Each structure stands twice: as C-alpha cells, then as structure tokens.
Amino acid sequence: MNKVFFDIILKKESNYYGSQFKFISFVRFDNDIINSITVNFNTIINLNFYNLFVDNYGTPKNIFLKTGKKTVNSKEEDDEHKTFKQILKQNFF
C-alpha cells in the first residue's frame, strides 16, 4: 500500500484544550483509511491539557517529540491572481 501525506496550515490558530495550533497533517493509505493524524502545537503541552485529553480519549499509545528540525530548502510562491500563497519547505529531523 502507498501512503499519501496531507499537510494543512490553517488560516488562523485554533484552540484545543487551551493549547494553540495552526498545522495538522494526515497520512492516508490507498484504501482511503486515515492511518495517522498529527497536530503540531505551538506550546508545550501541560498537565491540564494532558488530563483533559485522557478524560475524553483515553491514554495515548504514543507521544512523539520532534527535535533537531533543520530547514534545508524553503520557497514561497503566489498564484498568478495573488489569491493563494504556498510555502514549500524541505526539513530534516
């Protein structure tokens, strides 16, 4: 099966249990089943956030911390009508 990655940057920050985020990513396989959803929070998750999350969804199997991110290439482009802007980045972790 092939994985398809979708990265979404929201127009404005959203709030989830008191923590701000603006970036969500999905991993989908050929069978159209979402395998993974990742939310990148702008702050450190505190105990209050964690307890509210566990109360609603149960204890997570994994919590991953990304460290050592290095941007090696970045390019910003507008469409011809200046109604859409995209930023392409190549990162290593």
N, C-alpha and C. Protein backbone atom coordinates (compact mmCIF):
# COMPACT_ATOMS: atom_id res chain seq x y z
N MET A 1 0.83 -1.18 0.00
CA MET A 1 0.00 0.00 0.00
C MET A 1 0.88 1.24 0.00
N ASN A 2 0.42 2.26 -0.71
CA ASN A 2 1.13 3.53 -0.75
C ASN A 2 0.54 4.48 0.27
N LYS A 3 1.43 5.25 0.93
CA LYS A 3 0.99 6.28 1.85
C LYS A 3 0.86 7.59 1.10
N VAL A 4 -0.18 8.36 1.43
CA VAL A 4 -0.36 9.70 0.90
C VAL A 4 -0.38 10.65 2.08
N PHE A 5 0.45 11.70 2.01
CA PHE A 5 0.57 12.66 3.11
C PHE A 5 -0.15 13.95 2.74
N PHE A 6 -0.89 14.50 3.68
CA PHE A 6 -1.57 15.77 3.52
C PHE A 6 -1.14 16.68 4.67
N ASP A 7 -0.62 17.86 4.36
CA ASP A 7 -0.27 18.85 5.37
C ASP A 7 -1.20 20.04 5.20
N ILE A 8 -1.80 20.49 6.29
CA ILE A 8 -2.75 21.59 6.26
C ILE A 8 -2.29 22.68 7.21
N ILE A 9 -2.16 23.90 6.70
CA ILE A 9 -1.89 25.06 7.55
C ILE A 9 -3.17 25.86 7.61
N LEU A 10 -3.70 26.04 8.80
CA LEU A 10 -4.96 26.75 8.98
C LEU A 10 -4.77 28.25 8.76
N LYS A 11 -5.83 28.95 8.36
CA LYS A 11 -5.74 30.40 8.15
C LYS A 11 -5.49 31.15 9.45
N LYS A 12 -6.02 30.62 10.55
CA LYS A 12 -5.77 31.24 11.85
C LYS A 12 -5.59 30.13 12.88
N GLU A 13 -4.92 30.46 13.96
CA GLU A 13 -4.68 29.47 15.00
C GLU A 13 -5.99 29.02 15.63
N SER A 14 -6.05 27.76 16.00
CA SER A 14 -7.20 27.21 16.70
C SER A 14 -6.78 26.80 18.11
N ASN A 15 -7.77 26.62 18.97
CA ASN A 15 -7.52 26.28 20.36
C ASN A 15 -8.05 24.88 20.64
N TYR A 16 -7.24 24.06 21.28
CA TYR A 16 -7.64 22.70 21.65
C TYR A 16 -7.18 22.46 23.07
N TYR A 17 -8.12 22.38 23.99
CA TYR A 17 -7.82 22.23 25.42
C TYR A 17 -6.84 23.29 25.92
N GLY A 18 -6.97 24.51 25.41
CA GLY A 18 -6.14 25.61 25.87
C GLY A 18 -4.80 25.74 25.17
N SER A 19 -4.47 24.86 24.24
CA SER A 19 -3.20 24.94 23.51
C SER A 19 -3.49 25.37 22.07
N GLN A 20 -2.67 26.29 21.56
CA GLN A 20 -2.85 26.81 20.21
C GLN A 20 -2.15 25.93 19.18
N PHE A 21 -2.79 25.79 18.01
CA PHE A 21 -2.17 25.07 16.90
C PHE A 21 -2.62 25.68 15.59
N LYS A 22 -1.82 25.49 14.54
CA LYS A 22 -2.15 26.00 13.22
C LYS A 22 -1.81 24.99 12.12
N PHE A 23 -1.22 23.86 12.49
CA PHE A 23 -0.74 22.90 11.50
C PHE A 23 -1.24 21.50 11.84
N ILE A 24 -1.84 20.82 10.85
CA ILE A 24 -2.32 19.45 11.01
C ILE A 24 -1.82 18.64 9.82
N SER A 25 -1.44 17.40 10.06
CA SER A 25 -1.06 16.54 8.95
C SER A 25 -1.74 15.20 9.07
N PHE A 26 -2.07 14.61 7.91
CA PHE A 26 -2.76 13.32 7.82
C PHE A 26 -1.93 12.36 6.98
N VAL A 27 -2.00 11.08 7.32
CA VAL A 27 -1.41 10.04 6.48
C VAL A 27 -2.55 9.10 6.10
N ARG A 28 -2.69 8.88 4.80
CA ARG A 28 -3.76 8.03 4.28
C ARG A 28 -3.14 6.95 3.39
N PHE A 29 -3.69 5.76 3.47
CA PHE A 29 -3.25 4.67 2.59
C PHE A 29 -4.15 4.60 1.36
N ASP A 30 -3.79 3.77 0.41
CA ASP A 30 -4.55 3.59 -0.83
C ASP A 30 -6.01 3.26 -0.59
N ASN A 31 -6.31 2.61 0.51
CA ASN A 31 -7.68 2.19 0.78
C ASN A 31 -8.54 3.30 1.39
N ASP A 32 -8.04 4.54 1.36
CA ASP A 32 -8.76 5.73 1.84
C ASP A 32 -9.03 5.73 3.34
N ILE A 33 -8.29 4.94 4.09
CA ILE A 33 -8.41 4.95 5.55
C ILE A 33 -7.29 5.81 6.11
N ILE A 34 -7.65 6.79 6.95
CA ILE A 34 -6.64 7.64 7.58
C ILE A 34 -5.93 6.83 8.64
N ASN A 35 -4.62 6.74 8.53
CA ASN A 35 -3.80 5.95 9.44
C ASN A 35 -3.26 6.79 10.59
N SER A 36 -3.03 8.08 10.33
CA SER A 36 -2.39 8.91 11.34
C SER A 36 -2.84 10.35 11.18
N ILE A 37 -3.08 11.01 12.31
CA ILE A 37 -3.35 12.45 12.34
C ILE A 37 -2.35 13.06 13.31
N THR A 38 -1.66 14.10 12.85
CA THR A 38 -0.67 14.77 13.69
C THR A 38 -1.07 16.23 13.83
N VAL A 39 -1.09 16.73 15.06
CA VAL A 39 -1.36 18.13 15.33
C VAL A 39 -0.10 18.71 15.96
N ASN A 40 0.42 19.78 15.37
CA ASN A 40 1.61 20.43 15.91
C ASN A 40 1.18 21.62 16.75
N PHE A 41 1.38 21.52 18.05
CA PHE A 41 1.02 22.59 18.97
C PHE A 41 2.15 23.60 19.06
N ASN A 42 1.77 24.88 19.23
CA ASN A 42 2.74 25.97 19.32
C ASN A 42 3.36 26.10 20.70
N THR A 43 2.83 25.37 21.66
CA THR A 43 3.32 25.47 23.03
C THR A 43 3.59 24.08 23.58
N ILE A 44 4.19 24.04 24.74
CA ILE A 44 4.42 22.78 25.43
C ILE A 44 3.11 22.33 26.04
N ILE A 45 2.76 21.07 25.85
CA ILE A 45 1.53 20.53 26.43
C ILE A 45 1.71 20.40 27.94
N ASN A 46 0.78 21.00 28.69
CA ASN A 46 0.89 20.95 30.15
C ASN A 46 -0.01 19.84 30.72
N LEU A 47 0.06 19.65 32.02
CA LEU A 47 -0.68 18.57 32.68
C LEU A 47 -2.19 18.75 32.53
N ASN A 48 -2.69 19.99 32.57
CA ASN A 48 -4.11 20.25 32.40
C ASN A 48 -4.58 19.76 31.02
N PHE A 49 -3.84 20.10 29.96
CA PHE A 49 -4.16 19.63 28.62
C PHE A 49 -4.18 18.11 28.58
N TYR A 50 -3.13 17.49 29.10
CA TYR A 50 -3.00 16.03 29.06
C TYR A 50 -4.17 15.36 29.78
N ASN A 51 -4.52 15.85 30.97
CA ASN A 51 -5.63 15.25 31.73
C ASN A 51 -6.96 15.38 31.00
N LEU A 52 -7.23 16.54 30.39
CA LEU A 52 -8.47 16.72 29.62
C LEU A 52 -8.49 15.78 28.41
N PHE A 53 -7.35 15.64 27.74
CA PHE A 53 -7.25 14.74 26.60
C PHE A 53 -7.53 13.30 27.01
N VAL A 54 -6.89 12.84 28.09
CA VAL A 54 -7.06 11.46 28.57
C VAL A 54 -8.50 11.22 29.02
N ASP A 55 -9.11 12.20 29.68
CA ASP A 55 -10.52 12.06 30.09
C ASP A 55 -11.44 11.82 28.90
N ASN A 56 -11.16 12.47 27.77
CA ASN A 56 -12.02 12.35 26.59
C ASN A 56 -11.66 11.21 25.65
N TYR A 57 -10.36 10.88 25.53
CA TYR A 57 -9.93 9.91 24.52
C TYR A 57 -9.20 8.70 25.08
N GLY A 58 -8.87 8.71 26.35
CA GLY A 58 -8.07 7.62 26.91
C GLY A 58 -6.59 7.93 26.81
N THR A 59 -5.79 7.12 27.45
CA THR A 59 -4.34 7.33 27.47
C THR A 59 -3.75 7.05 26.09
N PRO A 60 -2.98 7.99 25.55
CA PRO A 60 -2.40 7.77 24.22
C PRO A 60 -1.36 6.65 24.23
N LYS A 61 -1.26 5.92 23.12
CA LYS A 61 -0.23 4.88 22.99
C LYS A 61 1.14 5.50 22.84
N ASN A 62 1.22 6.62 22.12
CA ASN A 62 2.50 7.27 21.85
C ASN A 62 2.36 8.78 21.91
N ILE A 63 3.39 9.43 22.37
CA ILE A 63 3.55 10.88 22.26
C ILE A 63 4.95 11.09 21.70
N PHE A 64 5.03 11.72 20.54
CA PHE A 64 6.32 11.94 19.90
C PHE A 64 6.73 13.39 20.01
N LEU A 65 7.97 13.62 20.31
CA LEU A 65 8.54 14.96 20.34
C LEU A 65 9.49 15.09 19.17
N LYS A 66 9.33 16.12 18.38
CA LYS A 66 10.24 16.38 17.27
C LYS A 66 11.33 17.31 17.77
N THR A 67 12.55 16.89 17.60
CA THR A 67 13.67 17.73 18.00
C THR A 67 14.67 17.80 16.85
N GLY A 68 15.46 18.84 16.84
CA GLY A 68 16.52 18.95 15.86
C GLY A 68 16.04 19.24 14.44
N LYS A 69 14.92 19.95 14.29
CA LYS A 69 14.41 20.26 12.95
C LYS A 69 15.36 21.24 12.26
N LYS A 70 15.70 20.93 11.01
CA LYS A 70 16.58 21.79 10.23
C LYS A 70 15.95 21.98 8.86
N THR A 71 15.66 23.24 8.50
CA THR A 71 15.12 23.55 7.18
C THR A 71 16.29 23.70 6.22
N VAL A 72 16.30 22.89 5.17
CA VAL A 72 17.40 22.92 4.21
C VAL A 72 17.02 23.62 2.91
N ASN A 73 15.72 23.83 2.68
CA ASN A 73 15.28 24.50 1.47
C ASN A 73 13.90 25.07 1.74
N SER A 74 13.67 26.31 1.31
CA SER A 74 12.37 26.94 1.50
C SER A 74 12.06 27.83 0.30
N LYS A 75 10.81 27.81 -0.15
CA LYS A 75 10.42 28.59 -1.32
C LYS A 75 8.98 29.05 -1.12
N GLU A 76 8.71 30.32 -1.36
CA GLU A 76 7.37 30.87 -1.22
C GLU A 76 6.86 31.28 -2.60
N GLU A 77 5.62 30.89 -2.93
CA GLU A 77 5.06 31.19 -4.25
C GLU A 77 3.64 31.70 -4.13
N ASP A 78 3.26 32.63 -5.01
CA ASP A 78 1.88 33.10 -5.14
C ASP A 78 1.32 32.58 -6.47
N ASP A 79 0.00 32.44 -6.54
CA ASP A 79 -0.58 32.11 -7.83
C ASP A 79 -0.65 33.38 -8.68
N GLU A 80 -1.02 33.24 -9.94
CA GLU A 80 -0.98 34.40 -10.84
C GLU A 80 -1.95 35.51 -10.45
N HIS A 81 -3.02 35.20 -9.70
CA HIS A 81 -4.00 36.20 -9.29
C HIS A 81 -3.75 36.72 -7.88
N LYS A 82 -2.69 36.25 -7.26
CA LYS A 82 -2.32 36.66 -5.90
C LYS A 82 -3.41 36.34 -4.87
N THR A 83 -4.16 35.25 -5.11
CA THR A 83 -5.21 34.86 -4.17
C THR A 83 -4.79 33.67 -3.31
N PHE A 84 -3.69 33.05 -3.66
CA PHE A 84 -3.23 31.86 -2.95
C PHE A 84 -1.72 31.92 -2.80
N LYS A 85 -1.25 31.61 -1.61
CA LYS A 85 0.19 31.58 -1.35
C LYS A 85 0.55 30.24 -0.75
N GLN A 86 1.62 29.65 -1.21
CA GLN A 86 2.10 28.41 -0.61
C GLN A 86 3.57 28.55 -0.26
N ILE A 87 3.93 27.87 0.81
CA ILE A 87 5.32 27.84 1.25
C ILE A 87 5.77 26.38 1.23
N LEU A 88 6.76 26.09 0.43
CA LEU A 88 7.31 24.75 0.33
C LEU A 88 8.60 24.69 1.14
N LYS A 89 8.71 23.71 2.02
CA LYS A 89 9.90 23.56 2.85
C LYS A 89 10.37 22.14 2.83
N GLN A 90 11.66 21.96 2.83
CA GLN A 90 12.25 20.65 2.99
C GLN A 90 12.95 20.65 4.34
N ASN A 91 12.51 19.76 5.21
CA ASN A 91 13.05 19.70 6.58
C ASN A 91 13.63 18.33 6.87
N PHE A 92 14.59 18.30 7.76
CA PHE A 92 15.13 17.07 8.29
C PHE A 92 14.99 17.10 9.80
N PHE A 93 14.69 15.97 10.41
CA PHE A 93 14.60 15.86 11.86
C PHE A 93 15.66 14.91 12.36
